[in-house]
Protein backbone atom coordinates (compact mmCIF):
# COMPACT_ATOMS: atom_id res chain seq x y z
CA MET A 1 125.26 15.21 53.27
CA THR A 2 128.59 17.63 52.32
CA LYS A 3 131.20 17.80 54.74
CA SER A 4 132.71 21.19 54.79
CA ASP A 5 136.15 21.83 54.29
CA PRO A 6 137.87 21.74 57.59
CA ASN A 7 140.91 23.97 56.67
CA LYS A 8 138.46 26.58 55.12
CA VAL A 9 138.60 29.00 57.74
CA LEU A 10 142.54 28.78 58.75
CA ARG A 11 143.14 30.06 54.74
CA GLN A 12 141.63 32.79 55.04
CA LEU A 13 142.88 34.58 58.49
CA PRO A 14 145.42 35.59 56.72
CA LEU A 15 143.26 37.65 54.62
CA VAL A 16 140.74 38.83 56.58
CA ALA A 17 143.43 40.10 59.47
CA GLY A 18 145.64 41.98 56.67
CA GLY A 19 142.65 43.89 55.05
CA LEU A 20 141.11 44.20 59.25
CA ALA A 21 144.67 45.89 59.64
CA GLY A 22 144.79 48.03 56.83
CA THR A 23 141.57 49.05 56.68
CA LEU A 24 142.19 50.67 60.79
CA LEU A 25 144.97 52.13 59.55
CA MET A 26 143.47 54.25 56.65
CA VAL A 27 140.87 54.96 59.30
CA ASN A 28 143.76 56.19 62.12
CA ARG A 29 145.26 57.70 59.34
CA LEU A 30 142.59 59.97 58.17
CA LEU A 31 140.90 60.88 61.59
CA THR A 32 144.80 62.23 62.65
CA PRO A 33 144.88 65.76 62.45
CA GLN A 34 148.55 65.80 62.56
CA ILE A 35 151.20 63.31 61.30
CA THR A 36 154.69 63.10 62.70
CA ASP A 37 157.43 61.67 61.14
CA SER A 38 157.73 58.46 63.74
CA GLN A 39 153.71 58.16 62.98
CA ALA A 40 154.35 57.89 59.41
CA ARG A 41 156.74 54.97 59.31
CA SER A 42 154.61 53.12 61.90
CA ASP A 43 151.85 53.63 59.11
CA ALA A 44 154.90 52.26 56.71
CA LEU A 45 155.35 49.48 58.56
CA GLY A 46 151.68 48.50 58.87
CA VAL A 47 151.15 48.60 55.35
CA ILE A 48 153.72 46.60 54.55
CA ILE A 49 152.42 44.01 57.78
CA SER A 50 148.85 43.92 56.18
CA ALA A 51 149.84 43.54 52.44
CA LEU A 52 152.12 40.41 53.21
CA LEU A 53 149.33 38.87 55.50
CA ILE A 54 147.05 39.17 52.39
CA LEU A 55 149.91 38.39 49.67
CA THR A 56 150.10 35.03 52.50
CA GLY A 57 146.30 34.56 52.40
CA LEU A 58 146.53 34.35 48.72
CA LEU A 59 149.27 32.17 48.82
CA TRP A 60 147.55 29.80 50.69
CA GLN A 61 144.54 29.72 48.78
CA GLN A 62 146.02 28.31 45.69
CA VAL A 63 149.19 26.43 47.50
CA GLN A 64 147.71 24.31 50.23
CA ALA A 65 145.53 21.05 49.00
CA ARG A 66 142.09 21.31 50.20
CA SER A 67 139.83 17.97 51.31
CA PRO A 68 137.92 16.77 48.72
CA ASP A 69 133.84 17.05 49.83
CA SER A 70 132.60 13.66 51.86
CA VAL A 71 129.45 12.37 51.68
CA GLN A 72 128.03 10.17 53.95
CA LEU A 73 127.57 7.05 52.09
CA ILE A 74 123.46 5.87 52.35
CA GLY A 75 123.40 2.43 53.45
CA SER A 76 123.99 0.16 56.50
CA GLU A 77 127.21 -1.09 58.03
CA GLY A 78 127.80 -4.56 58.11
CA PHE A 79 130.36 -7.44 57.31
CA GLU A 80 129.58 -10.46 55.95
CA LEU A 81 131.78 -13.35 54.66
CA ALA A 82 131.15 -15.90 52.34
CA PRO A 83 131.08 -18.35 55.02
CA ASP A 84 132.44 -21.85 53.25
CA LEU A 85 135.46 -20.18 53.02
CA PRO A 86 138.88 -21.71 54.62
CA GLU A 87 139.61 -19.63 57.78
CA ALA A 88 143.24 -18.63 56.65
CA VAL A 89 141.11 -16.89 53.86
CA LYS A 90 138.51 -15.20 56.06
CA LEU A 91 141.14 -14.39 58.18
CA GLU A 92 143.96 -12.59 55.58
CA LEU A 93 139.92 -10.55 53.76
CA ALA A 94 139.26 -9.62 57.63
CA TRP A 95 142.53 -7.88 57.56
CA ALA A 96 142.37 -6.48 54.65
CA SER A 97 139.33 -4.83 54.58
CA ARG A 98 139.92 -3.42 57.77
CA LEU A 99 143.70 -1.98 56.78
CA LEU A 100 141.18 -0.87 53.83
CA LEU A 101 138.68 1.07 55.94
CA THR A 102 140.81 2.99 58.52
CA ASN A 103 143.45 4.31 56.45
CA THR A 104 142.24 5.42 53.08
CA ALA A 105 138.69 7.04 51.70
CA THR A 106 137.24 3.72 51.23
CA ARG A 107 134.05 3.84 52.95
CA ALA A 108 132.62 0.39 50.76
CA ILE A 109 134.43 -2.82 50.40
CA VAL A 110 133.00 -6.18 47.74
CA ILE A 111 135.37 -8.55 46.81
CA VAL A 112 134.46 -11.21 44.13
CA TYR A 113 136.19 -14.04 42.95
CA ARG A 114 135.58 -17.15 40.54
CA GLY A 115 131.86 -15.21 40.52
CA LYS A 116 131.30 -15.50 43.87
CA VAL A 117 130.96 -12.36 46.55
CA LEU A 118 133.31 -13.30 49.20
CA LEU A 119 133.26 -9.99 51.19
CA ARG A 120 131.23 -7.26 51.58
CA ARG A 121 131.90 -4.40 54.46
CA GLY A 122 131.34 -1.33 55.47
CA ILE A 123 128.52 0.65 54.22
CA LEU A 124 126.88 -1.88 52.28
CA GLY A 125 124.32 -0.89 49.55
CA ILE A 126 120.93 -2.84 48.30
CA ASN A 127 122.14 -5.70 45.78
CA PRO A 128 124.06 -8.61 47.49
CA GLU A 129 124.77 -9.49 44.22
CA VAL A 130 128.00 -9.10 41.90
CA LYS A 131 127.13 -8.83 38.12
CA PRO A 132 129.63 -7.63 36.18
CA GLY A 133 128.64 -4.50 33.74
CA PRO A 134 131.56 -3.20 31.14
CA ILE A 135 133.78 -1.71 33.22
CA LEU A 136 134.59 -4.08 36.02
CA GLN A 137 134.63 -7.04 32.89
CA ARG A 138 137.15 -4.87 31.66
CA ALA A 139 139.05 -4.41 34.86
CA ILE A 140 139.21 -8.33 35.07
CA ASP A 141 139.89 -9.25 31.35
CA LYS A 142 143.13 -6.66 30.81
CA ASN A 143 144.19 -7.03 34.91
CA LYS A 144 144.53 -3.40 34.98
CA PRO A 145 142.57 -1.16 37.63
CA VAL A 146 140.22 0.95 36.61
CA TYR A 147 139.83 4.31 38.94
CA LEU A 148 136.93 6.00 38.50
CA VAL A 149 137.19 9.39 40.59
CA LYS A 150 134.26 10.86 41.00
CA LEU A 151 131.55 7.85 40.00
CA ASP A 152 128.54 10.42 39.24
CA ILE A 153 130.30 11.68 35.88
CA TYR A 154 130.04 8.88 34.38
CA PRO A 155 127.14 6.97 32.63
CA GLY A 156 128.51 3.32 33.43
CA LYS A 157 127.87 3.68 37.04
CA ILE A 158 124.22 2.25 36.98
CA GLU A 159 126.59 -1.37 37.22
CA PHE A 160 127.98 -0.39 40.43
CA ASP A 161 124.32 -0.93 42.28
CA TYR A 162 125.69 -3.25 44.69
CA LEU A 163 127.55 -0.52 46.34
CA PRO A 164 126.60 2.32 48.58
CA GLU A 165 123.79 4.92 45.75
CA ASN A 166 125.94 7.60 46.36
CA THR A 167 129.23 6.27 46.00
CA GLN A 168 131.88 9.09 45.27
CA GLY A 169 134.56 7.19 44.46
CA VAL A 170 135.43 3.77 42.90
CA ILE A 171 138.36 1.73 42.71
CA CYS A 172 138.47 -1.79 40.49
CA GLN A 173 141.67 -3.49 41.28
CA PRO A 174 141.95 -7.28 39.64
CA LEU A 175 143.13 -9.82 41.99
CA GLY A 176 144.56 -12.00 39.02
CA SER A 177 142.80 -13.18 36.45
CA GLN A 178 139.41 -14.46 38.47
CA GLY A 179 138.88 -12.29 40.91
CA VAL A 180 138.84 -8.20 41.77
CA LEU A 181 138.62 -6.08 45.05
CA ILE A 182 135.90 -3.41 44.59
CA LEU A 183 136.22 0.08 46.59
CA GLY A 184 133.62 2.50 47.36
CA ALA A 185 135.18 5.84 48.76
CA ASN A 186 132.73 8.66 50.14
CA ALA A 187 134.87 11.77 48.39
CA PRO A 188 135.91 12.52 45.08
CA ARG A 189 139.33 12.03 44.09
CA SER A 190 139.86 11.21 47.11
CA TYR A 191 142.77 8.41 46.23
CA THR A 192 146.07 9.33 45.92
CA LYS A 193 148.72 7.59 43.76
CA GLN A 194 150.25 6.20 46.85
CA ASP A 195 147.26 4.80 47.88
CA GLU A 196 146.51 3.35 44.35
CA ASN A 197 150.27 1.39 44.58
CA TRP A 198 148.94 0.27 48.21
CA ILE A 199 146.00 -0.90 47.13
CA GLU A 200 147.62 -3.02 44.46
CA GLY A 201 149.98 -4.59 46.85
CA ILE A 202 147.26 -5.38 49.68
CA ALA A 203 145.30 -7.40 46.97
CA GLU A 204 148.58 -9.05 45.10
CA LYS A 205 148.91 -10.88 48.94
CA LEU A 206 144.63 -11.44 48.47
CA GLU A 207 144.86 -13.00 45.50
CA ASN A 208 148.19 -15.14 46.77
CA THR A 209 146.35 -16.09 49.65
CA ILE A 210 143.07 -16.99 47.95
CA THR A 211 144.31 -19.00 44.99
CA GLN A 212 146.64 -20.71 47.79
CA HIS A 213 143.26 -21.89 49.54
CA LEU A 214 140.57 -21.87 47.14
CA ASN A 215 142.44 -23.18 43.69
CA SER A 216 143.76 -26.42 45.89
C-alpha cells in the first residue's frame, strides 16, 4: 500500500487559486459591455495577483521537499532479544532500537554480532537467521556503512531475506569488525545525511557496550 504525499494538495492551492482568479477576471471582462478606467486598473491588478499565485505554485512544486512514498511493511511486529545476553546489553539494545524506530524511517532492525542475532525488532521478516551475503559482508570487512537507498533496484537484495519482503531501503552499519546493525526502512531515499551520522553514533555506543560485556 502506497502512502500519498500529504503536502500535495497544499502545493497545488496557489496554482488552482491563480488559475481560477485569472479565468473569472477574463469572463468578467468579456461580459462587461463598457470598461471604465477604474475597472481596467482593477483588472490589471487582478491579473498581476493571479500571475504571482501561479508562479508561487510552480516554485513550490520545485522547491518544497516531497515526502518519499512509504509502504506498510509486510510482516508482524515483534521484539526479540537473545536470551543469554547480559542485562546491561539488553537494556542498551532496547534503548537504541527504540530511538531508531521512533525517530527515523526505520521499521525493521536486526543486530548481528559474531554471527549471532542479538536483536530483531519492529516488523519482523520471515527468516529469523542472518547469513551474511556479499553486501553485508562488505560492510563488515571494510568497516564502512552501506546505504541501499532503493532496495528494489539492487540484484543483491535477495540476501536480505531476514527483513520484510517489501523493505524499501537498507542501511548496514558496522559494529566494529565483528558485528553489524541492519536497518530496514519503509520508504526509499528516506535517510538524510544527518540520520546517517546519528545512526553511526548510536552504532559506536552499541559497539562499546557489547564489546565490554561480551568480550570480557
